[in-house]
Amino acid sequence: MENSRDGKLRIAEAVWRTVAREGVAGVSVRAVATEAGVTGGTVQYHFPARAQMVHFAMELLAERFTQRLTAMPRTGPVLAWTRAILLELLPLNDERHREFRVWLSFTTHAHTDSELTALSRRFEGQLRELYQRLLRARRDAILGDRDAPRAEPEPLDDRDAAVLEAVVDGLALQLAGMEPGAAATLGPELLDRYLEVSAR
């Protein structure tokens, strides 16, 4: 028999698959139980309320996404590894395509749930900090490569991170409406174009 953690993970993954097909509105004890291959009683044992099930599934998705980004290499040429992390934020394959659609459904639903709103804002804050670190690393690398004497750089403007976030979010939304194969080709091209223009 599955332990409590494994049981919750199995149900959360079933929630993701259900949301990917039907949105958060399609999440019910019966639908998730069928998707997970368990009884409704098993679902309710782990999550007595539907809201608890949705909260856990959203939090787990954010946690796994964060862990994946944290595990990415940060060695070698700075412009290469920062670009790789930015690409990881885009839905460029089947798995990330589904993941993005599920997260978008969760964040849309979060407007009607204060706990989900708090989770969404916390995750957005973590992403904003990531954007700031990436921008700072890229700026320092670009300035270091230029021939002109290096002056003390101006402090990074928080609005720069907000602009990068808006670009990545908008690009992700555009790519999510495409076939993953086409997104895998266009996504890097458009991101590289933005990075090239913003470095001038």
N, C-alpha and C. Protein backbone atom coordinates (compact mmCIF):
# COMPACT_ATOMS: atom_id res chain seq x y z
N MET A 1 0.86 -1.21 0.00
CA MET A 1 0.00 0.00 0.00
C MET A 1 0.88 1.24 0.00
N GLU A 2 0.45 2.25 -0.75
CA GLU A 2 1.22 3.49 -0.84
C GLU A 2 1.24 4.21 0.50
N ASN A 3 2.38 4.85 0.80
CA ASN A 3 2.40 5.69 1.99
C ASN A 3 1.69 7.00 1.68
N SER A 4 1.52 7.81 2.69
CA SER A 4 0.72 9.02 2.54
C SER A 4 1.30 9.96 1.48
N ARG A 5 2.63 10.14 1.52
CA ARG A 5 3.27 11.04 0.55
C ARG A 5 3.09 10.53 -0.87
N ASP A 6 3.34 9.24 -1.08
CA ASP A 6 3.20 8.68 -2.43
C ASP A 6 1.76 8.77 -2.91
N GLY A 7 0.83 8.53 -2.01
CA GLY A 7 -0.57 8.63 -2.38
C GLY A 7 -0.95 10.03 -2.80
N LYS A 8 -0.46 11.02 -2.07
CA LYS A 8 -0.74 12.42 -2.42
C LYS A 8 -0.11 12.80 -3.76
N LEU A 9 1.10 12.32 -4.00
CA LEU A 9 1.78 12.62 -5.27
C LEU A 9 1.00 12.02 -6.44
N ARG A 10 0.54 10.80 -6.27
CA ARG A 10 -0.22 10.14 -7.34
C ARG A 10 -1.49 10.92 -7.65
N ILE A 11 -2.16 11.38 -6.61
CA ILE A 11 -3.39 12.14 -6.81
C ILE A 11 -3.08 13.50 -7.43
N ALA A 12 -2.02 14.16 -6.98
CA ALA A 12 -1.65 15.47 -7.53
C ALA A 12 -1.36 15.36 -9.02
N GLU A 13 -0.65 14.31 -9.41
CA GLU A 13 -0.35 14.12 -10.84
C GLU A 13 -1.63 13.87 -11.64
N ALA A 14 -2.59 13.19 -11.02
CA ALA A 14 -3.89 12.99 -11.67
C ALA A 14 -4.64 14.32 -11.80
N VAL A 15 -4.50 15.17 -10.79
CA VAL A 15 -5.10 16.51 -10.87
C VAL A 15 -4.50 17.27 -12.05
N TRP A 16 -3.19 17.22 -12.21
CA TRP A 16 -2.55 17.92 -13.33
C TRP A 16 -3.11 17.45 -14.67
N ARG A 17 -3.23 16.14 -14.83
CA ARG A 17 -3.72 15.60 -16.10
C ARG A 17 -5.17 16.03 -16.35
N THR A 18 -5.94 16.05 -15.27
CA THR A 18 -7.34 16.47 -15.39
C THR A 18 -7.42 17.95 -15.77
N VAL A 19 -6.61 18.77 -15.10
CA VAL A 19 -6.60 20.21 -15.39
C VAL A 19 -6.14 20.47 -16.81
N ALA A 20 -5.14 19.72 -17.28
CA ALA A 20 -4.64 19.91 -18.65
C ALA A 20 -5.73 19.67 -19.68
N ARG A 21 -6.64 18.74 -19.39
CA ARG A 21 -7.72 18.42 -20.33
C ARG A 21 -8.93 19.32 -20.16
N GLU A 22 -9.30 19.58 -18.90
CA GLU A 22 -10.61 20.18 -18.63
C GLU A 22 -10.56 21.48 -17.83
N GLY A 23 -9.37 21.90 -17.41
CA GLY A 23 -9.28 23.08 -16.56
C GLY A 23 -9.59 22.72 -15.12
N VAL A 24 -9.42 23.68 -14.22
CA VAL A 24 -9.66 23.42 -12.80
C VAL A 24 -11.13 23.08 -12.54
N ALA A 25 -12.02 23.59 -13.36
CA ALA A 25 -13.45 23.29 -13.18
C ALA A 25 -13.73 21.81 -13.32
N GLY A 26 -12.88 21.08 -14.04
CA GLY A 26 -13.09 19.66 -14.24
C GLY A 26 -12.59 18.79 -13.10
N VAL A 27 -11.97 19.41 -12.10
CA VAL A 27 -11.42 18.66 -10.97
C VAL A 27 -12.53 18.33 -9.98
N SER A 28 -12.77 17.04 -9.79
CA SER A 28 -13.72 16.56 -8.78
C SER A 28 -13.13 15.29 -8.19
N VAL A 29 -13.66 14.89 -7.07
CA VAL A 29 -13.17 13.66 -6.43
C VAL A 29 -13.32 12.48 -7.40
N ARG A 30 -14.46 12.39 -8.05
CA ARG A 30 -14.71 11.27 -8.96
C ARG A 30 -13.75 11.31 -10.15
N ALA A 31 -13.60 12.48 -10.78
CA ALA A 31 -12.73 12.59 -11.96
C ALA A 31 -11.28 12.27 -11.62
N VAL A 32 -10.81 12.79 -10.50
CA VAL A 32 -9.42 12.57 -10.11
C VAL A 32 -9.20 11.12 -9.70
N ALA A 33 -10.16 10.54 -9.00
CA ALA A 33 -10.04 9.14 -8.61
C ALA A 33 -9.93 8.25 -9.84
N THR A 34 -10.77 8.50 -10.83
CA THR A 34 -10.72 7.72 -12.07
C THR A 34 -9.38 7.90 -12.76
N GLU A 35 -8.91 9.13 -12.83
CA GLU A 35 -7.63 9.43 -13.48
C GLU A 35 -6.47 8.76 -12.76
N ALA A 36 -6.52 8.73 -11.43
CA ALA A 36 -5.44 8.16 -10.63
C ALA A 36 -5.54 6.64 -10.49
N GLY A 37 -6.69 6.08 -10.86
CA GLY A 37 -6.89 4.64 -10.71
C GLY A 37 -7.09 4.22 -9.27
N VAL A 38 -7.73 5.09 -8.49
CA VAL A 38 -8.01 4.78 -7.08
C VAL A 38 -9.49 5.03 -6.82
N THR A 39 -9.92 4.73 -5.62
CA THR A 39 -11.32 4.97 -5.26
C THR A 39 -11.51 6.42 -4.79
N GLY A 40 -12.76 6.85 -4.84
CA GLY A 40 -13.07 8.17 -4.31
C GLY A 40 -12.72 8.28 -2.84
N GLY A 41 -12.89 7.19 -2.12
CA GLY A 41 -12.56 7.18 -0.70
C GLY A 41 -11.07 7.41 -0.46
N THR A 42 -10.24 6.88 -1.35
CA THR A 42 -8.80 7.09 -1.23
C THR A 42 -8.45 8.56 -1.42
N VAL A 43 -9.08 9.17 -2.42
CA VAL A 43 -8.84 10.60 -2.66
C VAL A 43 -9.25 11.41 -1.43
N GLN A 44 -10.41 11.11 -0.88
CA GLN A 44 -10.91 11.87 0.26
C GLN A 44 -10.12 11.58 1.54
N TYR A 45 -9.50 10.40 1.61
CA TYR A 45 -8.63 10.09 2.75
C TYR A 45 -7.45 11.06 2.77
N HIS A 46 -6.85 11.27 1.61
CA HIS A 46 -5.69 12.17 1.53
C HIS A 46 -6.09 13.64 1.52
N PHE A 47 -7.25 13.92 0.89
CA PHE A 47 -7.70 15.31 0.76
C PHE A 47 -9.19 15.38 1.08
N PRO A 48 -9.54 15.63 2.33
CA PRO A 48 -10.95 15.67 2.72
C PRO A 48 -11.77 16.71 1.94
N ALA A 49 -11.11 17.76 1.49
CA ALA A 49 -11.81 18.80 0.73
C ALA A 49 -11.16 18.97 -0.64
N ARG A 50 -11.99 19.27 -1.63
CA ARG A 50 -11.49 19.48 -2.99
C ARG A 50 -10.44 20.58 -3.03
N ALA A 51 -10.66 21.66 -2.27
CA ALA A 51 -9.71 22.78 -2.26
C ALA A 51 -8.34 22.34 -1.80
N GLN A 52 -8.27 21.44 -0.82
CA GLN A 52 -6.98 20.94 -0.34
C GLN A 52 -6.24 20.21 -1.45
N MET A 53 -6.98 19.46 -2.23
CA MET A 53 -6.39 18.70 -3.33
C MET A 53 -5.81 19.65 -4.39
N VAL A 54 -6.57 20.67 -4.73
CA VAL A 54 -6.11 21.65 -5.72
C VAL A 54 -4.91 22.42 -5.19
N HIS A 55 -4.94 22.83 -3.92
CA HIS A 55 -3.83 23.57 -3.33
C HIS A 55 -2.55 22.74 -3.36
N PHE A 56 -2.66 21.47 -2.95
CA PHE A 56 -1.48 20.61 -2.93
C PHE A 56 -0.91 20.43 -4.33
N ALA A 57 -1.79 20.21 -5.31
CA ALA A 57 -1.33 20.00 -6.68
C ALA A 57 -0.63 21.23 -7.24
N MET A 58 -1.16 22.41 -6.95
CA MET A 58 -0.54 23.65 -7.43
C MET A 58 0.81 23.88 -6.75
N GLU A 59 0.84 23.65 -5.44
CA GLU A 59 2.09 23.86 -4.70
C GLU A 59 3.17 22.88 -5.16
N LEU A 60 2.77 21.64 -5.41
CA LEU A 60 3.73 20.64 -5.87
C LEU A 60 4.27 21.01 -7.25
N LEU A 61 3.42 21.51 -8.12
CA LEU A 61 3.87 21.92 -9.46
C LEU A 61 4.89 23.05 -9.35
N ALA A 62 4.61 24.04 -8.51
CA ALA A 62 5.55 25.14 -8.31
C ALA A 62 6.86 24.64 -7.72
N GLU A 63 6.76 23.71 -6.79
CA GLU A 63 7.96 23.16 -6.13
C GLU A 63 8.84 22.42 -7.12
N ARG A 64 8.24 21.59 -7.95
CA ARG A 64 9.02 20.82 -8.92
C ARG A 64 9.64 21.73 -9.97
N PHE A 65 8.90 22.74 -10.38
CA PHE A 65 9.42 23.70 -11.35
C PHE A 65 10.62 24.44 -10.76
N THR A 66 10.50 24.87 -9.52
CA THR A 66 11.59 25.58 -8.85
C THR A 66 12.81 24.69 -8.70
N GLN A 67 12.59 23.44 -8.31
CA GLN A 67 13.71 22.50 -8.15
C GLN A 67 14.43 22.28 -9.47
N ARG A 68 13.68 22.20 -10.56
CA ARG A 68 14.30 22.00 -11.87
C ARG A 68 15.17 23.19 -12.25
N LEU A 69 14.68 24.39 -11.99
CA LEU A 69 15.48 25.59 -12.30
C LEU A 69 16.72 25.67 -11.41
N THR A 70 16.55 25.34 -10.13
CA THR A 70 17.66 25.41 -9.18
C THR A 70 18.76 24.43 -9.56
N ALA A 71 18.38 23.28 -10.11
CA ALA A 71 19.35 22.24 -10.45
C ALA A 71 20.12 22.53 -11.74
N MET A 72 19.69 23.53 -12.50
CA MET A 72 20.37 23.79 -13.76
C MET A 72 21.77 24.34 -13.53
N PRO A 73 22.75 23.96 -14.37
CA PRO A 73 24.13 24.42 -14.20
C PRO A 73 24.26 25.94 -14.28
N ARG A 74 25.13 26.46 -13.46
CA ARG A 74 25.45 27.89 -13.48
C ARG A 74 26.96 28.06 -13.60
N THR A 75 27.54 27.31 -14.52
CA THR A 75 28.97 27.37 -14.76
C THR A 75 29.22 27.58 -16.24
N GLY A 76 30.44 27.98 -16.57
CA GLY A 76 30.78 28.23 -17.96
C GLY A 76 30.39 29.63 -18.38
N PRO A 77 30.32 29.88 -19.70
CA PRO A 77 29.96 31.22 -20.19
C PRO A 77 28.63 31.70 -19.63
N VAL A 78 28.65 32.88 -19.03
CA VAL A 78 27.46 33.39 -18.34
C VAL A 78 26.28 33.55 -19.29
N LEU A 79 26.54 34.09 -20.48
CA LEU A 79 25.43 34.32 -21.41
C LEU A 79 24.79 33.00 -21.84
N ALA A 80 25.55 31.93 -21.84
CA ALA A 80 25.01 30.63 -22.25
C ALA A 80 24.13 30.03 -21.16
N TRP A 81 24.62 30.02 -19.90
CA TRP A 81 23.80 29.38 -18.87
C TRP A 81 22.60 30.21 -18.46
N THR A 82 22.71 31.55 -18.55
CA THR A 82 21.53 32.36 -18.24
C THR A 82 20.47 32.19 -19.34
N ARG A 83 20.91 32.08 -20.57
CA ARG A 83 19.97 31.83 -21.68
C ARG A 83 19.28 30.48 -21.49
N ALA A 84 20.04 29.47 -21.07
CA ALA A 84 19.47 28.14 -20.88
C ALA A 84 18.37 28.16 -19.81
N ILE A 85 18.59 28.92 -18.76
CA ILE A 85 17.57 29.01 -17.70
C ILE A 85 16.33 29.71 -18.23
N LEU A 86 16.51 30.77 -18.99
CA LEU A 86 15.36 31.47 -19.56
C LEU A 86 14.58 30.57 -20.51
N LEU A 87 15.29 29.76 -21.28
CA LEU A 87 14.60 28.84 -22.19
C LEU A 87 13.81 27.79 -21.41
N GLU A 88 14.31 27.43 -20.24
CA GLU A 88 13.61 26.44 -19.42
C GLU A 88 12.26 26.96 -18.94
N LEU A 89 12.10 28.27 -18.93
CA LEU A 89 10.84 28.88 -18.50
C LEU A 89 9.78 28.85 -19.59
N LEU A 90 10.17 28.44 -20.79
CA LEU A 90 9.24 28.46 -21.93
C LEU A 90 8.73 27.06 -22.26
N PRO A 91 7.49 26.96 -22.75
CA PRO A 91 6.92 25.65 -23.10
C PRO A 91 7.42 25.18 -24.47
N LEU A 92 8.61 24.57 -24.47
CA LEU A 92 9.26 24.20 -25.72
C LEU A 92 9.19 22.70 -26.03
N ASN A 93 8.58 21.91 -25.15
CA ASN A 93 8.38 20.50 -25.46
C ASN A 93 7.03 20.07 -24.89
N ASP A 94 6.66 18.82 -25.13
CA ASP A 94 5.33 18.36 -24.73
C ASP A 94 5.10 18.50 -23.23
N GLU A 95 6.09 18.09 -22.44
CA GLU A 95 5.92 18.13 -20.99
C GLU A 95 5.75 19.55 -20.47
N ARG A 96 6.63 20.46 -20.91
CA ARG A 96 6.54 21.85 -20.43
C ARG A 96 5.32 22.55 -21.01
N HIS A 97 4.88 22.12 -22.18
CA HIS A 97 3.65 22.66 -22.77
C HIS A 97 2.46 22.35 -21.86
N ARG A 98 2.36 21.08 -21.44
CA ARG A 98 1.27 20.69 -20.52
C ARG A 98 1.42 21.40 -19.18
N GLU A 99 2.64 21.45 -18.70
CA GLU A 99 2.91 22.09 -17.40
C GLU A 99 2.47 23.56 -17.42
N PHE A 100 2.77 24.26 -18.51
CA PHE A 100 2.40 25.67 -18.60
C PHE A 100 0.88 25.83 -18.62
N ARG A 101 0.19 24.98 -19.38
CA ARG A 101 -1.27 25.08 -19.44
C ARG A 101 -1.89 24.82 -18.08
N VAL A 102 -1.35 23.86 -17.36
CA VAL A 102 -1.87 23.55 -16.02
C VAL A 102 -1.62 24.72 -15.08
N TRP A 103 -0.40 25.27 -15.12
CA TRP A 103 -0.09 26.40 -14.23
C TRP A 103 -0.96 27.60 -14.56
N LEU A 104 -1.19 27.84 -15.85
CA LEU A 104 -2.05 28.96 -16.26
C LEU A 104 -3.46 28.76 -15.73
N SER A 105 -3.96 27.54 -15.77
CA SER A 105 -5.30 27.26 -15.23
C SER A 105 -5.34 27.50 -13.73
N PHE A 106 -4.30 27.05 -13.04
CA PHE A 106 -4.23 27.26 -11.59
C PHE A 106 -4.22 28.74 -11.25
N THR A 107 -3.38 29.52 -11.93
CA THR A 107 -3.27 30.95 -11.59
C THR A 107 -4.55 31.71 -11.95
N THR A 108 -5.23 31.28 -13.00
CA THR A 108 -6.52 31.90 -13.33
C THR A 108 -7.53 31.60 -12.23
N HIS A 109 -7.55 30.38 -11.76
CA HIS A 109 -8.46 29.97 -10.69
C HIS A 109 -8.09 30.64 -9.37
N ALA A 110 -6.82 30.99 -9.20
CA ALA A 110 -6.35 31.55 -7.93
C ALA A 110 -7.04 32.87 -7.59
N HIS A 111 -7.58 33.55 -8.58
CA HIS A 111 -8.25 34.83 -8.31
C HIS A 111 -9.48 34.66 -7.44
N THR A 112 -9.98 33.44 -7.36
CA THR A 112 -11.17 33.20 -6.53
C THR A 112 -10.84 32.45 -5.25
N ASP A 113 -9.55 32.30 -4.96
CA ASP A 113 -9.12 31.53 -3.78
C ASP A 113 -7.94 32.24 -3.14
N SER A 114 -8.11 32.73 -1.94
CA SER A 114 -7.07 33.54 -1.30
C SER A 114 -5.79 32.76 -1.04
N GLU A 115 -5.91 31.47 -0.70
CA GLU A 115 -4.71 30.67 -0.44
C GLU A 115 -3.92 30.44 -1.73
N LEU A 116 -4.63 30.17 -2.82
CA LEU A 116 -3.95 30.00 -4.09
C LEU A 116 -3.35 31.31 -4.57
N THR A 117 -4.03 32.42 -4.28
CA THR A 117 -3.49 33.73 -4.64
C THR A 117 -2.18 33.96 -3.92
N ALA A 118 -2.11 33.62 -2.64
CA ALA A 118 -0.89 33.80 -1.87
C ALA A 118 0.24 32.93 -2.43
N LEU A 119 -0.08 31.69 -2.80
CA LEU A 119 0.92 30.80 -3.38
C LEU A 119 1.41 31.34 -4.71
N SER A 120 0.48 31.80 -5.54
CA SER A 120 0.85 32.34 -6.84
C SER A 120 1.76 33.56 -6.69
N ARG A 121 1.44 34.43 -5.75
CA ARG A 121 2.26 35.63 -5.55
C ARG A 121 3.64 35.28 -5.00
N ARG A 122 3.69 34.28 -4.12
CA ARG A 122 4.99 33.86 -3.58
C ARG A 122 5.88 33.30 -4.69
N PHE A 123 5.28 32.51 -5.56
CA PHE A 123 6.03 31.94 -6.67
C PHE A 123 6.48 33.03 -7.64
N GLU A 124 5.60 33.99 -7.91
CA GLU A 124 5.96 35.11 -8.78
C GLU A 124 7.12 35.91 -8.19
N GLY A 125 7.12 36.08 -6.86
CA GLY A 125 8.22 36.78 -6.20
C GLY A 125 9.54 36.04 -6.37
N GLN A 126 9.50 34.71 -6.28
CA GLN A 126 10.71 33.91 -6.47
C GLN A 126 11.21 34.05 -7.91
N LEU A 127 10.28 34.04 -8.86
CA LEU A 127 10.68 34.21 -10.25
C LEU A 127 11.28 35.59 -10.50
N ARG A 128 10.68 36.62 -9.89
CA ARG A 128 11.21 37.97 -10.06
C ARG A 128 12.65 38.06 -9.55
N GLU A 129 12.92 37.42 -8.42
CA GLU A 129 14.29 37.39 -7.89
C GLU A 129 15.22 36.67 -8.86
N LEU A 130 14.73 35.59 -9.48
CA LEU A 130 15.53 34.86 -10.46
C LEU A 130 15.85 35.77 -11.65
N TYR A 131 14.86 36.48 -12.15
CA TYR A 131 15.08 37.39 -13.28
C TYR A 131 16.13 38.45 -12.92
N GLN A 132 16.06 38.97 -11.71
CA GLN A 132 17.03 39.97 -11.29
C GLN A 132 18.44 39.41 -11.27
N ARG A 133 18.60 38.18 -10.75
CA ARG A 133 19.92 37.56 -10.71
C ARG A 133 20.45 37.29 -12.11
N LEU A 134 19.57 36.83 -13.00
CA LEU A 134 20.00 36.55 -14.37
C LEU A 134 20.41 37.82 -15.09
N LEU A 135 19.62 38.88 -14.91
CA LEU A 135 19.94 40.15 -15.56
C LEU A 135 21.26 40.71 -15.04
N ARG A 136 21.47 40.62 -13.73
CA ARG A 136 22.70 41.14 -13.14
C ARG A 136 23.92 40.37 -13.68
N ALA A 137 23.78 39.05 -13.76
CA ALA A 137 24.88 38.22 -14.27
C ALA A 137 25.17 38.54 -15.73
N ARG A 138 24.11 38.70 -16.53
CA ARG A 138 24.30 38.99 -17.95
C ARG A 138 24.90 40.38 -18.14
N ARG A 139 24.44 41.35 -17.37
CA ARG A 139 24.96 42.71 -17.51
C ARG A 139 26.45 42.75 -17.15
N ASP A 140 26.81 42.10 -16.07
CA ASP A 140 28.22 42.09 -15.66
C ASP A 140 29.09 41.40 -16.71
N ALA A 141 28.57 40.32 -17.30
CA ALA A 141 29.34 39.60 -18.31
C ALA A 141 29.51 40.45 -19.57
N ILE A 142 28.45 41.15 -19.97
CA ILE A 142 28.52 41.99 -21.18
C ILE A 142 29.46 43.16 -20.96
N LEU A 143 29.36 43.80 -19.81
CA LEU A 143 30.25 44.93 -19.51
C LEU A 143 31.70 44.46 -19.44
N GLY A 144 31.92 43.28 -18.91
CA GLY A 144 33.27 42.77 -18.79
C GLY A 144 33.90 42.44 -20.12
N ASP A 145 33.07 42.16 -21.14
CA ASP A 145 33.59 41.81 -22.46
C ASP A 145 33.88 43.03 -23.32
N ARG A 146 33.43 44.18 -22.91
CA ARG A 146 33.64 45.38 -23.73
C ARG A 146 35.02 45.97 -23.50
N ASP A 147 35.54 46.61 -24.54
CA ASP A 147 36.91 47.14 -24.49
C ASP A 147 37.02 48.41 -23.65
N ALA A 148 35.92 49.15 -23.55
CA ALA A 148 35.97 50.43 -22.84
C ALA A 148 36.26 50.19 -21.36
N PRO A 149 36.94 51.15 -20.71
CA PRO A 149 37.19 51.00 -19.27
C PRO A 149 35.89 50.77 -18.54
N ARG A 150 35.91 49.87 -17.60
CA ARG A 150 34.68 49.49 -16.91
C ARG A 150 34.40 50.43 -15.76
N ALA A 151 33.31 51.16 -15.87
CA ALA A 151 32.89 52.04 -14.78
C ALA A 151 32.03 51.24 -13.82
N GLU A 152 31.82 51.79 -12.66
CA GLU A 152 30.95 51.15 -11.68
C GLU A 152 29.53 51.11 -12.25
N PRO A 153 28.95 49.92 -12.44
CA PRO A 153 27.62 49.86 -13.06
C PRO A 153 26.54 50.47 -12.18
N GLU A 154 25.53 51.01 -12.84
CA GLU A 154 24.41 51.55 -12.10
C GLU A 154 23.63 50.40 -11.47
N PRO A 155 23.00 50.66 -10.32
CA PRO A 155 22.19 49.60 -9.70
C PRO A 155 21.13 49.09 -10.67
N LEU A 156 20.86 47.81 -10.60
CA LEU A 156 19.86 47.23 -11.48
C LEU A 156 18.48 47.76 -11.12
N ASP A 157 17.78 48.25 -12.11
CA ASP A 157 16.44 48.79 -11.92
C ASP A 157 15.45 47.63 -11.82
N ASP A 158 14.62 47.63 -10.78
CA ASP A 158 13.63 46.56 -10.61
C ASP A 158 12.72 46.45 -11.83
N ARG A 159 12.53 47.58 -12.52
CA ARG A 159 11.66 47.54 -13.70
C ARG A 159 12.25 46.69 -14.82
N ASP A 160 13.58 46.57 -14.85
CA ASP A 160 14.20 45.73 -15.87
C ASP A 160 13.78 44.27 -15.70
N ALA A 161 13.75 43.81 -14.46
CA ALA A 161 13.31 42.44 -14.18
C ALA A 161 11.83 42.28 -14.52
N ALA A 162 11.04 43.32 -14.26
CA ALA A 162 9.61 43.26 -14.58
C ALA A 162 9.41 43.17 -16.09
N VAL A 163 10.25 43.89 -16.85
CA VAL A 163 10.15 43.83 -18.32
C VAL A 163 10.52 42.43 -18.82
N LEU A 164 11.61 41.88 -18.29
CA LEU A 164 12.01 40.53 -18.70
C LEU A 164 10.91 39.52 -18.35
N GLU A 165 10.34 39.65 -17.18
CA GLU A 165 9.25 38.76 -16.78
C GLU A 165 8.07 38.87 -17.75
N ALA A 166 7.74 40.10 -18.13
CA ALA A 166 6.63 40.30 -19.06
C ALA A 166 6.94 39.69 -20.43
N VAL A 167 8.18 39.83 -20.87
CA VAL A 167 8.58 39.25 -22.16
C VAL A 167 8.48 37.73 -22.12
N VAL A 168 9.03 37.13 -21.06
CA VAL A 168 9.00 35.66 -20.95
C VAL A 168 7.56 35.16 -20.81
N ASP A 169 6.76 35.83 -19.99
CA ASP A 169 5.37 35.43 -19.81
C ASP A 169 4.59 35.52 -21.13
N GLY A 170 4.79 36.64 -21.83
CA GLY A 170 4.09 36.83 -23.10
C GLY A 170 4.52 35.83 -24.15
N LEU A 171 5.82 35.57 -24.20
CA LEU A 171 6.34 34.59 -25.16
C LEU A 171 5.82 33.20 -24.82
N ALA A 172 5.80 32.87 -23.53
CA ALA A 172 5.29 31.56 -23.12
C ALA A 172 3.83 31.40 -23.51
N LEU A 173 3.05 32.45 -23.34
CA LEU A 173 1.63 32.39 -23.70
C LEU A 173 1.47 32.20 -25.21
N GLN A 174 2.29 32.89 -25.98
CA GLN A 174 2.23 32.75 -27.44
C GLN A 174 2.61 31.33 -27.86
N LEU A 175 3.68 30.80 -27.27
CA LEU A 175 4.16 29.47 -27.64
C LEU A 175 3.19 28.38 -27.21
N ALA A 176 2.48 28.61 -26.11
CA ALA A 176 1.54 27.61 -25.60
C ALA A 176 0.39 27.38 -26.57
N GLY A 177 0.14 28.35 -27.45
CA GLY A 177 -0.92 28.21 -28.44
C GLY A 177 -0.45 27.53 -29.71
N MET A 178 0.81 27.10 -29.74
CA MET A 178 1.38 26.47 -30.92
C MET A 178 1.65 25.00 -30.65
N GLU A 179 1.91 24.25 -31.71
CA GLU A 179 2.37 22.88 -31.55
C GLU A 179 3.75 22.91 -30.91
N PRO A 180 4.06 21.97 -30.00
CA PRO A 180 5.36 22.00 -29.33
C PRO A 180 6.55 22.03 -30.27
N GLY A 181 6.46 21.33 -31.41
CA GLY A 181 7.58 21.33 -32.36
C GLY A 181 7.85 22.72 -32.92
N ALA A 182 6.78 23.42 -33.28
CA ALA A 182 6.93 24.78 -33.79
C ALA A 182 7.41 25.71 -32.70
N ALA A 183 6.91 25.51 -31.48
CA ALA A 183 7.33 26.35 -30.35
C ALA A 183 8.82 26.15 -30.06
N ALA A 184 9.30 24.91 -30.21
CA ALA A 184 10.71 24.63 -29.94
C ALA A 184 11.63 25.34 -30.92
N THR A 185 11.12 25.63 -32.12
CA THR A 185 11.92 26.36 -33.12
C THR A 185 11.81 27.86 -32.92
N LEU A 186 10.59 28.36 -32.77
CA LEU A 186 10.37 29.80 -32.70
C LEU A 186 10.79 30.38 -31.36
N GLY A 187 10.56 29.67 -30.27
CA GLY A 187 10.84 30.20 -28.94
C GLY A 187 12.26 30.69 -28.76
N PRO A 188 13.26 29.84 -29.03
CA PRO A 188 14.65 30.31 -28.88
C PRO A 188 14.99 31.48 -29.81
N GLU A 189 14.43 31.47 -31.01
CA GLU A 189 14.70 32.57 -31.95
C GLU A 189 14.20 33.90 -31.39
N LEU A 190 12.98 33.90 -30.87
CA LEU A 190 12.41 35.15 -30.35
C LEU A 190 13.11 35.58 -29.06
N LEU A 191 13.44 34.63 -28.20
CA LEU A 191 14.17 34.99 -26.98
C LEU A 191 15.52 35.57 -27.32
N ASP A 192 16.23 34.95 -28.26
CA ASP A 192 17.55 35.46 -28.65
C ASP A 192 17.44 36.86 -29.24
N ARG A 193 16.40 37.10 -29.99
CA ARG A 193 16.20 38.44 -30.56
C ARG A 193 16.02 39.47 -29.46
N TYR A 194 15.22 39.14 -28.45
CA TYR A 194 15.03 40.06 -27.33
C TYR A 194 16.34 40.29 -26.58
N LEU A 195 17.07 39.23 -26.29
CA LEU A 195 18.33 39.37 -25.55
C LEU A 195 19.35 40.19 -26.32
N GLU A 196 19.34 40.03 -27.64
CA GLU A 196 20.26 40.81 -28.47
C GLU A 196 19.92 42.29 -28.42
N VAL A 197 18.65 42.61 -28.56
CA VAL A 197 18.22 44.02 -28.55
C VAL A 197 18.43 44.64 -27.17
N SER A 198 18.13 43.90 -26.12
CA SER A 198 18.23 44.45 -24.77
C SER A 198 19.67 44.66 -24.33
N ALA A 199 20.62 44.01 -25.00
CA ALA A 199 22.04 44.14 -24.62
C ALA A 199 22.70 45.34 -25.25
N ARG A 200 22.02 46.03 -26.16
CA ARG A 200 22.64 47.17 -26.85
C ARG A 200 22.77 48.38 -25.94
